[in-house]
């Protein structure tokens, strides 16, 4: 009888410890942010660079975006990105074997490191009511995107990691202003001056 009581107590304490561990892990996972503040790549390139400040407008940047998307994806695009008073993603979404026009708009937010986080502003998919996270996942799965563009469905955003954009002469780009409503776009071109 004493042995059954001891086994019962050990089993109870073991189960209690397992439950506390599971609850603790669940609480930690709930309290942790689902992604860091999007400092995605920390480049170990410590070379000295000279910064050239450049002002541009939406028209020139639209041409540049189109060029780099075509260059980086290396295949025909089934979507387009346009700068108007917002950043617009236009394409088609296949639903029940029918192509439905898809338009999403984003508000650009310049990050401290010069990257751009595009926060979802509005969306239209014909007359369908579809969750934004699901549409962003669809875009990430079905549209050819460069490796330096990341879809974050849980945050309803697209992160453009310019640190990972490879330019000739190993130059880097950092945005300092990105106000599309006033057509005030400024960025720095960082050119290395040492090997």
Protein backbone atom coordinates (compact mmCIF):
# COMPACT_ATOMS: atom_id res chain seq x y z
CA UNK A 1 0.00 0.00 0.00
CA UNK A 2 2.84 2.38 0.87
CA UNK A 3 4.47 1.66 -2.51
CA UNK A 4 1.23 2.57 -4.39
CA UNK A 5 1.02 5.88 -2.49
CA UNK A 6 4.63 6.72 -3.34
CA UNK A 7 4.09 5.83 -7.04
CA UNK A 8 0.92 7.92 -7.09
CA UNK A 9 2.75 10.89 -5.55
CA UNK A 10 5.65 10.58 -8.00
CA UNK A 11 3.27 10.34 -10.95
CA UNK A 12 1.30 13.36 -9.71
CA UNK A 13 4.43 15.47 -9.17
CA UNK A 14 5.81 14.45 -12.59
CA UNK A 15 2.55 15.40 -14.27
CA UNK A 16 2.47 18.71 -12.36
CA UNK A 17 6.04 19.55 -13.47
CA UNK A 18 5.25 18.69 -17.10
CA UNK A 19 2.12 20.89 -16.98
CA UNK A 20 4.08 23.79 -15.47
CA UNK A 21 6.77 23.46 -18.18
CA UNK A 22 4.18 23.40 -20.97
CA UNK A 23 2.35 26.40 -19.50
CA UNK A 24 5.65 28.28 -19.10
CA UNK A 25 6.69 27.59 -22.69
CA UNK A 26 3.24 28.65 -23.95
CA UNK A 27 3.42 31.91 -21.97
CA UNK A 28 6.92 32.65 -23.29
CA UNK A 29 5.82 32.00 -26.88
CA UNK A 30 2.79 34.26 -26.47
CA UNK A 31 4.83 37.10 -24.99
CA UNK A 32 7.67 36.94 -27.54
CA UNK A 33 7.19 39.14 -30.63
CA UNK A 34 6.40 37.10 -33.73
CA UNK A 35 9.29 38.75 -35.59
CA UNK A 36 12.11 41.06 -34.65
CA UNK A 37 11.84 44.71 -35.67
CA UNK A 38 12.89 43.57 -39.14
CA UNK A 39 16.59 44.17 -38.90
CA UNK A 40 16.88 41.18 -41.21
CA UNK A 41 20.47 41.23 -42.27
CA UNK A 42 23.40 42.61 -40.44
CA UNK A 43 26.11 42.90 -43.02
CA UNK A 44 29.65 42.34 -41.74
CA UNK A 45 31.00 44.73 -44.36
CA UNK A 46 32.95 47.34 -42.39
CA UNK A 47 34.64 48.96 -45.38
CA UNK A 48 34.76 52.73 -45.54
CA UNK A 49 32.09 54.10 -47.86
CA UNK A 50 31.41 57.50 -49.37
CA UNK A 51 27.77 58.62 -49.28
CA UNK A 52 26.16 60.38 -52.21
CA UNK A 53 22.79 61.94 -51.38
CA UNK A 54 20.33 61.52 -54.24
CA UNK A 55 16.88 63.04 -54.76
CA UNK A 56 14.50 61.32 -57.09
CA UNK A 57 10.87 61.26 -58.11
CA UNK A 58 8.22 58.59 -58.53
CA UNK A 59 8.59 58.28 -62.30
CA UNK A 60 12.32 57.55 -62.19
CA UNK A 61 11.90 55.21 -59.24
CA UNK A 62 9.09 53.33 -61.05
CA UNK A 63 11.49 52.64 -63.94
CA UNK A 64 14.19 51.52 -61.52
CA UNK A 65 11.80 49.23 -59.60
CA UNK A 66 10.59 47.60 -62.84
CA UNK A 67 14.19 47.06 -63.99
CA UNK A 68 15.34 45.46 -60.73
CA UNK A 69 12.26 43.25 -60.37
CA UNK A 70 12.76 41.89 -63.89
CA UNK A 71 16.52 41.51 -63.37
CA UNK A 72 16.24 39.79 -59.98
CA UNK A 73 13.38 37.41 -60.80
CA UNK A 74 14.84 36.44 -64.20
CA UNK A 75 11.40 35.60 -65.60
CA UNK A 76 8.36 37.49 -66.87
CA UNK A 77 6.41 39.26 -64.14
CA UNK A 78 2.73 38.59 -63.55
CA UNK A 79 2.41 41.72 -61.44
CA UNK A 80 3.63 45.30 -61.34
CA UNK A 81 4.70 47.70 -58.62
CA UNK A 82 3.82 51.36 -59.10
CA UNK A 83 4.52 54.40 -57.00
CA UNK A 84 1.55 56.78 -56.89
CA UNK A 85 0.61 58.47 -53.62
CA UNK A 86 1.12 54.96 -52.18
CA UNK A 87 3.11 51.91 -53.22
CA UNK A 88 0.74 49.83 -55.35
CA UNK A 89 1.00 46.14 -56.12
CA UNK A 90 -1.19 45.17 -59.08
CA UNK A 91 -1.65 41.66 -60.35
CA UNK A 92 -4.17 38.88 -60.60
CA UNK A 93 -5.27 36.23 -58.14
CA UNK A 94 -6.59 32.91 -59.43
CA UNK A 95 -9.76 31.88 -57.61
CA UNK A 96 -11.83 28.89 -58.83
CA UNK A 97 -9.85 28.90 -62.10
CA UNK A 98 -10.69 32.55 -62.79
CA UNK A 99 -8.24 35.43 -62.73
CA UNK A 100 -9.48 38.22 -60.48
CA UNK A 101 -7.73 41.62 -60.44
CA UNK A 102 -5.74 42.24 -57.27
CA UNK A 103 -4.64 45.67 -56.09
CA UNK A 104 -2.93 46.30 -52.79
CA UNK A 105 -1.60 49.64 -51.56
CA UNK A 106 1.12 50.15 -48.98
CA UNK A 107 2.48 53.06 -46.99
CA UNK A 108 6.31 53.09 -46.99
CA UNK A 109 8.12 53.45 -43.66
CA UNK A 110 11.87 54.10 -43.79
CA UNK A 111 13.73 52.03 -41.19
CA UNK A 112 16.78 53.19 -39.22
CA UNK A 113 19.08 51.11 -41.41
CA UNK A 114 17.69 52.63 -44.64
CA UNK A 115 15.50 49.66 -45.55
CA UNK A 116 11.80 50.18 -46.31
CA UNK A 117 8.87 48.47 -44.60
CA UNK A 118 5.68 48.65 -46.66
CA UNK A 119 2.64 48.61 -44.34
CA UNK A 120 -0.56 47.41 -46.01
CA UNK A 121 -3.06 50.26 -46.47
CA UNK A 122 -5.87 48.99 -48.71
CA UNK A 123 -6.75 45.99 -50.80
CA UNK A 124 -9.24 45.09 -53.51
CA UNK A 125 -9.82 41.69 -55.04
CA UNK A 126 -12.85 42.12 -57.23
CA UNK A 127 -15.76 41.90 -54.77
CA UNK A 128 -14.20 39.23 -52.56
CA UNK A 129 -13.64 39.77 -48.86
CA UNK A 130 -10.39 37.96 -48.15
CA UNK A 131 -8.11 38.35 -45.10
CA UNK A 132 -5.03 40.46 -45.88
CA UNK A 133 -2.64 37.90 -44.36
CA UNK A 134 -4.01 35.24 -46.72
CA UNK A 135 -3.56 37.50 -49.76
CA UNK A 136 0.01 38.38 -48.76
CA UNK A 137 0.79 34.69 -48.36
CA UNK A 138 -0.68 34.11 -51.82
CA UNK A 139 1.50 36.90 -53.25
CA UNK A 140 4.60 35.44 -51.59
CA UNK A 141 3.82 31.94 -52.88
CA UNK A 142 2.76 32.85 -56.43
CA UNK A 143 4.61 36.01 -57.49
CA UNK A 144 8.31 35.85 -58.32
CA UNK A 145 10.00 38.20 -55.85
CA UNK A 146 13.67 39.09 -55.44
CA UNK A 147 15.45 37.56 -52.45
CA UNK A 148 15.72 40.98 -50.79
CA UNK A 149 11.92 41.42 -50.68
CA UNK A 150 10.16 39.57 -47.86
CA UNK A 151 6.44 39.16 -47.35
CA UNK A 152 5.39 39.24 -43.67
CA UNK A 153 1.71 38.15 -43.66
CA UNK A 154 1.39 38.26 -39.87
CA UNK A 155 2.43 41.94 -39.86
CA UNK A 156 0.48 42.75 -43.04
CA UNK A 157 3.60 44.19 -44.59
CA UNK A 158 6.34 43.71 -47.15
CA UNK A 159 9.91 44.32 -46.05
CA UNK A 160 12.39 45.59 -48.64
CA UNK A 161 15.89 44.84 -47.37
CA UNK A 162 18.06 47.20 -49.38
CA UNK A 163 21.12 46.00 -47.47
CA UNK A 164 20.81 42.77 -49.46
CA UNK A 165 20.35 44.46 -52.83
CA UNK A 166 23.46 43.77 -54.88
CA UNK A 167 24.59 46.70 -57.01
CA UNK A 168 27.60 47.01 -59.26
CA UNK A 169 30.83 48.00 -57.54
CA UNK A 170 29.33 46.65 -54.30
CA UNK A 171 27.55 49.94 -53.63
CA UNK A 172 24.69 50.05 -51.11
CA UNK A 173 21.46 52.04 -50.97
CA UNK A 174 19.79 53.52 -47.87
CA UNK A 175 16.57 55.52 -48.02
CA UNK A 176 16.41 58.64 -45.89
CA UNK A 177 13.01 60.01 -47.07
CA UNK A 178 10.20 58.23 -48.85
CA UNK A 179 7.18 60.54 -48.96
CA UNK A 180 5.12 59.65 -52.02
CA UNK A 181 2.36 62.20 -51.42
CA UNK A 182 4.81 65.10 -51.82
CA UNK A 183 7.07 63.19 -54.24
CA UNK A 184 9.94 63.71 -51.77
CA UNK A 185 12.23 60.73 -52.20
CA UNK A 186 15.82 60.81 -50.97
CA UNK A 187 18.37 58.08 -50.53
CA UNK A 188 22.07 57.63 -50.05
CA UNK A 189 24.25 55.71 -52.45
CA UNK A 190 27.12 54.30 -50.39
CA UNK A 191 30.15 53.51 -52.53
CA UNK A 192 33.11 51.61 -51.00
CA UNK A 193 36.43 53.43 -51.10
CA UNK A 194 38.64 50.62 -49.80
CA UNK A 195 38.99 46.88 -50.44
